Amino acid sequence: MVHYANMGHSSIRQNLPVVNVGTLDRPIYHAAEVMA
């Protein structure tokens, strides 16, 4: 999840707790993880 924030996909969500990012943007995180 850390590398997702490091990707800079969303500078706003980067400031949110990792738990919230995983919950709110799970589909986006999954897509970003696959692309990475």
C-alpha atoms as a PDB file:
ATOM      1  CA  MET A   1       0.000   0.000   0.000  1.00  0.00           C
ATOM      2  CA  VAL A   2       2.947   2.264   0.652  1.00  0.00           C
ATOM      3  CA  HIS A   3       4.128   2.065  -2.945  1.00  0.00           C
ATOM      4  CA  TYR A   4       0.618   3.086  -4.041  1.00  0.00           C
ATOM      5  CA  ALA A   5       1.041   6.392  -2.196  1.00  0.00           C
ATOM      6  CA  ASN A   6       4.550   6.714  -3.596  1.00  0.00           C
ATOM      7  CA  MET A   7       3.182   6.387  -7.121  1.00  0.00           C
ATOM      8  CA  GLY A   8       1.539   9.784  -6.653  1.00  0.00           C
ATOM      9  CA  HIS A   9      -1.713   8.545  -8.240  1.00  0.00           C
ATOM     10  CA  SER A  10      -3.557  10.909  -5.914  1.00  0.00           C
ATOM     11  CA  SER A  11      -1.689  13.451  -3.808  1.00  0.00           C
ATOM     12  CA  ILE A  12      -4.879  14.016  -1.784  1.00  0.00           C
ATOM     13  CA  ARG A  13      -5.468  10.378  -0.845  1.00  0.00           C
ATOM     14  CA  GLN A  14      -1.753  10.088  -0.153  1.00  0.00           C
ATOM     15  CA  ASN A  15      -2.391  12.173   2.969  1.00  0.00           C
ATOM     16  CA  LEU A  16      -5.105   9.796   4.203  1.00  0.00           C
ATOM     17  CA  PRO A  17      -4.374   6.802   6.445  1.00  0.00           C
ATOM     18  CA  VAL A  18      -3.430   3.655   4.544  1.00  0.00           C
ATOM     19  CA  VAL A  19      -6.492   1.897   5.944  1.00  0.00           C
ATOM     20  CA  ASN A  20      -8.831   4.501   4.461  1.00  0.00           C
ATOM     21  CA  VAL A  21      -7.079   4.386   1.100  1.00  0.00           C
ATOM     22  CA  GLY A  22      -7.452   0.602   0.985  1.00  0.00           C
ATOM     23  CA  THR A  23     -11.132   0.824   1.907  1.00  0.00           C
ATOM     24  CA  LEU A  24     -12.261   3.776  -0.206  1.00  0.00           C
ATOM     25  CA  ASP A  25     -10.138   3.138  -3.288  1.00  0.00           C
ATOM     26  CA  ARG A  26      -9.766  -0.623  -3.283  1.00  0.00           C
ATOM     27  CA  PRO A  27     -10.634  -0.925  -7.028  1.00  0.00           C
ATOM     28  CA  ILE A  28      -8.229   1.896  -7.894  1.00  0.00           C
ATOM     29  CA  TYR A  29      -5.524   0.484  -5.638  1.00  0.00           C
ATOM     30  CA  HIS A  30      -5.955  -2.936  -7.212  1.00  0.00           C
ATOM     31  CA  ALA A  31      -5.652  -1.471 -10.705  1.00  0.00           C
ATOM     32  CA  ALA A  32      -2.587   0.546  -9.689  1.00  0.00           C
ATOM     33  CA  GLU A  33      -1.045  -2.542  -8.112  1.00  0.00           C
ATOM     34  CA  VAL A  34      -1.565  -4.531 -11.318  1.00  0.00           C
ATOM     35  CA  MET A  35      -0.083  -1.721 -13.422  1.00  0.00           C
ATOM     36  CA  ALA A  36       2.909  -1.533 -11.091  1.00  0.00           C
END
